[in-house]
Amino acid sequence: MSRIKRTLVFLLFCILVVEVFYIKSCIIKTYNIEEANVKYYYYNQLSTEEKKIYDTLASSKEDIMDNKEMICLGEINIDNEDIDKITENIFSRVIWAYCLDNPMSTLWFNTYKKYVYYFESDEGSSTIVKFYINPKEGSYYSFDSKEDLLEAINIVETKTQEFVNTLSGTDEEKLQSIHDWLIQDTKYNEVDNPYMNDLYGCIVQKETVCGGLAYSMKYVSDMANIPVLSVFGRSVYYDEYKRVYVEYHAWNVIYVDNNWYLSDLTRDRRLNEKYGTLYRYKCFKLPIDSEEYYEEKFDLPK
């Protein structure tokens, strides 16, 4: 074979290799995009204007950690007469979307530790509303200082990573292990508990409420690369006398065997505390269309 032919063959081989790697990279990118759709599930449901406020909130992490006052998150032009209701709904959706997508943010952005301000200015037939947040009692979070906050973040990350490294089996088996790890020896405490709705209270202190369990299930599953969502809404439950109650509640949506299911760690924790392991996974994998659970702000997967 002549030198020219050998060179052409070599070049064709190089082109083929490049194309194979390009195709593989496209497949990997597609997987990552699908993964991102779960990671930013609630962000993807926001309007363009709401996404801008979300993005600014996310990029303001350091200012929030430094307890900076009057952080401007953006503005929206509203042409509806019911300004107050629309404004409140917009900000509520953005805050919830951010925290639900980013459970670690509950450590530095306690939703109960902030003031919200709206400044309106008339622009003819519409109104420009500017959104600001301000720390309540001087802080956006429940820790005494930024140093304590950073230490808490490190403890949560380290403790969780050590546990995730022990996981094995199918995704469902891993989720069951996460479920067990989070509810084991965990007390339900909503009295004098500043960390009841965040990861620190659940993972480190082992004293939490439904919100802390839901956020933690999402956080640990994210670290284990298993699709899980946190959900805040209302649920129906029955007491020992079969009386019906509706309560504000938090739970999860898990992805197992190409299907979505509801998962309620809070109720499983209560059942395990009362009956032992007899009902360990009674609420671990419930039908996604269960009429006992409903969310009002966002759409859930089917």
Protein backbone atom coordinates (compact mmCIF):
# COMPACT_ATOMS: atom_id res chain seq x y z
CA MET A 1 0.00 0.00 0.00
CA SER A 2 1.40 3.36 -0.93
CA ARG A 3 2.20 6.02 1.63
CA ILE A 4 -0.70 8.19 0.36
CA LYS A 5 -3.19 5.32 0.72
CA ARG A 6 -1.90 4.52 4.21
CA THR A 7 -2.29 8.18 5.17
CA LEU A 8 -5.86 8.28 3.83
CA VAL A 9 -6.77 5.09 5.72
CA PHE A 10 -5.29 6.53 8.90
CA LEU A 11 -7.23 9.77 8.48
CA LEU A 12 -10.48 7.88 7.87
CA PHE A 13 -9.83 5.83 11.01
CA CYS A 14 -9.27 9.02 13.04
CA ILE A 15 -12.49 10.52 11.71
CA LEU A 16 -14.39 7.35 12.65
CA VAL A 17 -12.98 7.41 16.18
CA VAL A 18 -13.87 11.08 16.59
CA GLU A 19 -17.42 10.42 15.36
CA VAL A 20 -17.85 7.50 17.79
CA PHE A 21 -16.69 9.62 20.71
CA TYR A 22 -18.91 12.48 19.54
CA ILE A 23 -21.95 10.20 19.44
CA LYS A 24 -21.12 8.86 22.91
CA SER A 25 -20.71 12.39 24.24
CA CYS A 26 -24.11 13.32 22.83
CA ILE A 27 -25.67 10.34 24.58
CA ILE A 28 -24.01 11.33 27.84
CA LYS A 29 -25.18 14.91 27.40
CA THR A 30 -28.72 13.71 26.80
CA TYR A 31 -28.59 11.71 30.04
CA ASN A 32 -27.28 14.73 31.91
CA ILE A 33 -30.09 16.88 30.51
CA GLU A 34 -32.64 14.32 31.72
CA GLU A 35 -30.95 14.27 35.09
CA ALA A 36 -31.06 18.08 35.22
CA ASN A 37 -34.78 17.98 34.55
CA VAL A 38 -35.17 16.21 37.89
CA LYS A 39 -32.57 18.31 39.69
CA TYR A 40 -34.29 21.53 38.58
CA TYR A 41 -37.78 20.09 38.41
CA TYR A 42 -39.52 23.05 40.05
CA TYR A 43 -37.38 25.67 38.33
CA ASN A 44 -38.54 24.29 34.99
CA GLN A 45 -42.16 25.03 35.94
CA LEU A 46 -41.59 28.73 36.59
CA SER A 47 -42.34 31.50 34.13
CA THR A 48 -39.46 33.34 32.44
CA GLU A 49 -39.79 36.24 34.88
CA GLU A 50 -39.95 33.90 37.89
CA LYS A 51 -36.84 32.06 36.68
CA LYS A 52 -34.90 35.34 36.68
CA ILE A 53 -35.81 35.91 40.34
CA TYR A 54 -34.87 32.29 41.15
CA ASP A 55 -31.51 32.72 39.38
CA THR A 56 -30.78 35.92 41.30
CA LEU A 57 -31.71 34.22 44.58
CA ALA A 58 -29.33 31.35 43.75
CA SER A 59 -26.50 33.74 42.85
CA SER A 60 -27.09 35.70 46.09
CA LYS A 61 -25.97 32.79 48.28
CA GLU A 62 -22.92 34.60 49.68
CA ASP A 63 -24.91 37.78 50.37
CA ILE A 64 -27.50 35.68 52.21
CA MET A 65 -24.78 33.92 54.22
CA ASP A 66 -23.39 37.35 55.11
CA ASN A 67 -26.90 38.46 56.15
CA LYS A 68 -26.89 41.37 53.74
CA GLU A 69 -29.95 43.58 54.09
CA MET A 70 -32.45 44.42 51.35
CA ILE A 71 -31.26 42.05 48.63
CA CYS A 72 -33.04 42.88 45.37
CA LEU A 73 -34.03 39.74 43.48
CA GLY A 74 -35.52 41.41 40.44
CA GLU A 75 -38.68 42.97 39.09
CA ILE A 76 -41.77 41.97 37.13
CA ASN A 77 -44.20 44.08 35.14
CA ILE A 78 -47.76 43.16 36.16
CA ASP A 79 -50.80 44.48 34.33
CA ASN A 80 -53.46 42.79 36.47
CA GLU A 81 -55.46 44.76 39.02
CA ASP A 82 -54.98 42.21 41.82
CA ILE A 83 -51.33 43.16 42.36
CA ASP A 84 -50.98 41.94 45.96
CA LYS A 85 -52.31 38.46 45.29
CA ILE A 86 -50.25 37.97 42.13
CA THR A 87 -47.10 39.33 43.75
CA GLU A 88 -47.46 37.07 46.77
CA ASN A 89 -48.05 34.04 44.54
CA ILE A 90 -45.01 34.79 42.37
CA PHE A 91 -42.66 35.17 45.29
CA SER A 92 -44.07 32.13 47.06
CA ARG A 93 -43.57 29.95 43.97
CA VAL A 94 -39.99 31.16 43.50
CA ILE A 95 -38.99 30.60 47.13
CA TRP A 96 -40.55 27.15 47.26
CA ALA A 97 -39.06 26.14 43.91
CA TYR A 98 -35.58 27.21 45.02
CA CYS A 99 -35.69 25.37 48.35
CA LEU A 100 -37.33 22.23 46.91
CA ASP A 101 -34.71 22.00 44.14
CA ASN A 102 -31.85 22.82 46.53
CA PRO A 103 -32.48 21.19 49.94
CA MET A 104 -29.09 22.25 51.33
CA SER A 105 -30.27 25.87 50.95
CA THR A 106 -32.58 25.33 53.93
CA LEU A 107 -29.52 25.71 56.15
CA TRP A 108 -28.66 29.25 55.00
CA PHE A 109 -32.11 30.36 53.87
CA ASN A 110 -34.68 29.46 56.50
CA THR A 111 -37.98 30.51 54.92
CA TYR A 112 -39.24 31.54 58.35
CA LYS A 113 -36.27 33.85 58.92
CA LYS A 114 -36.83 36.44 56.24
CA TYR A 115 -38.95 39.46 55.50
CA VAL A 116 -40.29 40.05 52.01
CA TYR A 117 -40.72 43.51 50.53
CA TYR A 118 -42.45 44.59 47.33
CA PHE A 119 -41.99 48.04 45.88
CA GLU A 120 -44.49 49.12 43.26
CA SER A 121 -44.30 51.86 40.67
CA ASP A 122 -47.01 52.73 38.17
CA GLU A 123 -46.18 52.51 34.47
CA GLY A 124 -49.38 53.55 32.77
CA SER A 125 -51.74 50.58 32.63
CA SER A 126 -49.27 48.23 34.36
CA THR A 127 -47.22 48.12 37.56
CA ILE A 128 -43.54 47.27 38.01
CA VAL A 129 -43.04 45.24 41.19
CA LYS A 130 -39.53 44.93 42.64
CA PHE A 131 -38.78 42.01 44.97
CA TYR A 132 -36.52 42.31 48.01
CA ILE A 133 -35.64 40.06 50.93
CA ASN A 134 -34.36 41.19 54.31
CA PRO A 135 -33.13 39.07 57.24
CA LYS A 136 -35.49 38.68 60.17
CA GLU A 137 -33.86 39.49 63.52
CA GLY A 138 -30.59 40.12 61.70
CA SER A 139 -30.20 36.68 60.10
CA TYR A 140 -31.57 34.52 57.31
CA TYR A 141 -30.62 31.32 59.14
CA SER A 142 -30.86 29.72 62.57
CA PHE A 143 -27.14 29.43 63.35
CA ASP A 144 -25.40 31.99 65.55
CA SER A 145 -22.77 32.93 62.98
CA LYS A 146 -21.61 32.30 59.43
CA GLU A 147 -18.80 30.16 60.84
CA ASP A 148 -21.32 27.94 62.64
CA LEU A 149 -23.36 27.73 59.43
CA LEU A 150 -20.35 26.63 57.35
CA GLU A 151 -19.41 24.07 59.97
CA ALA A 152 -22.97 22.68 59.93
CA ILE A 153 -22.89 22.43 56.11
CA ASN A 154 -19.61 20.52 56.31
CA ILE A 155 -20.97 18.13 58.95
CA VAL A 156 -24.09 17.40 56.91
CA GLU A 157 -22.10 16.84 53.70
CA THR A 158 -19.51 14.60 55.38
CA LYS A 159 -22.02 12.53 57.33
CA THR A 160 -24.21 12.04 54.26
CA GLN A 161 -21.34 11.16 51.94
CA GLU A 162 -20.05 8.55 54.40
CA PHE A 163 -23.49 6.94 54.44
CA VAL A 164 -23.99 7.13 50.66
CA ASN A 165 -20.67 5.33 50.19
CA THR A 166 -22.18 2.30 51.94
CA LEU A 167 -25.19 2.00 49.60
CA SER A 168 -25.50 -0.96 47.27
CA GLY A 169 -28.13 -2.85 45.29
CA THR A 170 -30.91 -1.53 43.06
CA ASP A 171 -32.22 2.01 43.25
CA GLU A 172 -35.23 0.77 45.22
CA GLU A 173 -32.98 -1.02 47.70
CA LYS A 174 -30.84 2.09 48.04
CA LEU A 175 -33.93 4.23 48.63
CA GLN A 176 -35.10 1.81 51.31
CA SER A 177 -31.70 2.13 53.00
CA ILE A 178 -31.92 5.93 52.84
CA HIS A 179 -35.47 5.73 54.23
CA ASP A 180 -34.27 3.57 57.15
CA TRP A 181 -31.23 5.75 57.84
CA LEU A 182 -33.30 8.92 58.05
CA ILE A 183 -36.12 7.64 60.27
CA GLN A 184 -34.02 5.46 62.58
CA ASP A 185 -33.86 7.00 66.08
CA THR A 186 -35.31 10.24 64.72
CA LYS A 187 -37.72 12.13 66.95
CA TYR A 188 -40.57 14.29 65.72
CA ASN A 189 -40.01 17.63 67.41
CA GLU A 190 -41.64 20.93 66.44
CA VAL A 191 -41.25 22.62 69.84
CA ASP A 192 -38.28 24.96 70.37
CA ASN A 193 -36.49 23.39 67.42
CA PRO A 194 -34.99 26.00 65.05
CA TYR A 195 -33.64 23.28 62.74
CA MET A 196 -36.86 21.26 62.45
CA ASN A 197 -37.32 21.97 58.71
CA ASP A 198 -33.75 21.60 57.48
CA LEU A 199 -31.10 18.95 56.87
CA TYR A 200 -29.15 19.69 60.04
CA GLY A 201 -32.10 18.92 62.30
CA CYS A 202 -32.86 15.64 60.53
CA ILE A 203 -29.43 14.26 59.61
CA VAL A 204 -27.32 15.54 62.50
CA GLN A 205 -29.58 16.28 65.46
CA LYS A 206 -32.12 13.55 64.61
CA GLU A 207 -34.97 15.84 65.66
CA THR A 208 -37.17 17.06 62.85
CA VAL A 209 -40.64 17.32 61.29
CA CYS A 210 -42.10 16.25 57.94
CA GLY A 211 -40.32 19.06 56.07
CA GLY A 212 -36.91 18.08 57.39
CA LEU A 213 -37.47 14.45 56.42
CA ALA A 214 -38.66 15.36 52.91
CA TYR A 215 -35.74 17.73 52.26
CA SER A 216 -33.26 15.17 53.62
CA MET A 217 -34.65 12.33 51.50
CA LYS A 218 -34.18 14.52 48.44
CA TYR A 219 -30.67 15.60 49.46
CA VAL A 220 -29.34 12.12 50.21
CA SER A 221 -30.93 10.67 47.07
CA ASP A 222 -29.38 13.45 44.97
CA MET A 223 -25.99 12.49 46.35
CA ALA A 224 -26.72 8.87 45.44
CA ASN A 225 -27.84 9.91 41.91
CA ILE A 226 -31.39 8.62 42.36
CA PRO A 227 -34.29 10.80 41.08
CA VAL A 228 -36.33 12.08 44.04
CA LEU A 229 -38.46 15.18 44.57
CA SER A 230 -39.61 16.90 47.75
CA VAL A 231 -43.26 17.96 47.94
CA PHE A 232 -45.05 20.36 50.28
CA GLY A 233 -48.84 20.37 50.23
CA ARG A 234 -51.77 18.86 52.08
CA SER A 235 -52.63 15.32 53.02
CA VAL A 236 -55.58 13.44 54.43
CA TYR A 237 -55.09 11.13 57.38
CA TYR A 238 -57.23 9.13 59.78
CA ASP A 239 -56.77 8.89 63.52
CA GLU A 240 -57.30 5.75 65.59
CA TYR A 241 -61.02 6.50 65.74
CA LYS A 242 -61.24 6.72 61.91
CA ARG A 243 -61.81 10.48 62.02
CA VAL A 244 -60.65 12.32 58.92
CA TYR A 245 -58.20 15.23 59.08
CA VAL A 246 -56.53 17.42 56.46
CA GLU A 247 -53.10 18.78 57.38
CA TYR A 248 -50.22 20.68 55.86
CA HIS A 249 -47.62 18.06 55.10
CA ALA A 250 -44.38 17.26 53.28
CA TRP A 251 -43.43 14.04 51.52
CA ASN A 252 -41.41 12.79 48.54
CA VAL A 253 -41.88 11.50 45.03
CA ILE A 254 -39.43 8.72 44.12
CA TYR A 255 -38.54 7.16 40.76
CA VAL A 256 -38.35 3.36 40.80
CA ASP A 257 -38.48 0.90 37.87
CA ASN A 258 -39.45 3.62 35.36
CA ASN A 259 -42.39 4.78 37.49
CA TRP A 260 -43.04 7.57 39.98
CA TYR A 261 -44.38 6.83 43.47
CA LEU A 262 -45.26 8.83 46.57
CA SER A 263 -43.09 8.18 49.63
CA ASP A 264 -44.00 9.44 53.11
CA LEU A 265 -41.16 9.01 55.60
CA THR A 266 -43.01 10.89 58.33
CA ARG A 267 -45.85 8.41 58.48
CA ASP A 268 -43.47 5.46 58.24
CA ARG A 269 -41.44 6.92 61.13
CA ARG A 270 -44.64 7.17 63.19
CA LEU A 271 -45.69 3.62 62.32
CA ASN A 272 -42.23 2.23 63.06
CA GLU A 273 -42.18 4.02 66.40
CA LYS A 274 -45.57 2.54 67.31
CA TYR A 275 -45.44 -0.94 65.78
CA GLY A 276 -41.78 -1.66 65.12
CA THR A 277 -40.71 -2.99 61.72
CA LEU A 278 -44.09 -4.60 61.04
CA TYR A 279 -45.07 -1.60 58.87
CA ARG A 280 -41.57 -0.44 57.96
CA TYR A 281 -42.37 0.40 54.33
CA LYS A 282 -46.13 0.88 54.47
CA CYS A 283 -45.88 4.44 53.05
CA PHE A 284 -42.58 4.03 51.22
CA LYS A 285 -44.03 3.34 47.76
CA LEU A 286 -47.57 4.65 47.37
CA PRO A 287 -49.46 5.20 44.08
CA ILE A 288 -48.54 8.51 42.49
CA ASP A 289 -52.23 9.34 42.02
CA SER A 290 -53.18 8.74 45.65
CA GLU A 291 -56.12 10.96 46.59
CA GLU A 292 -54.76 11.38 50.12
CA TYR A 293 -52.00 13.72 48.94
CA TYR A 294 -52.29 16.88 46.88
CA GLU A 295 -49.99 19.74 45.94
CA GLU A 296 -51.35 23.18 45.01
CA LYS A 297 -48.45 25.24 43.61
CA PHE A 298 -46.76 22.88 41.14
CA ASP A 299 -47.47 19.94 38.86
CA LEU A 300 -46.14 16.54 39.92
CA PRO A 301 -44.96 13.76 37.61
CA LYS A 302 -47.42 11.06 36.62
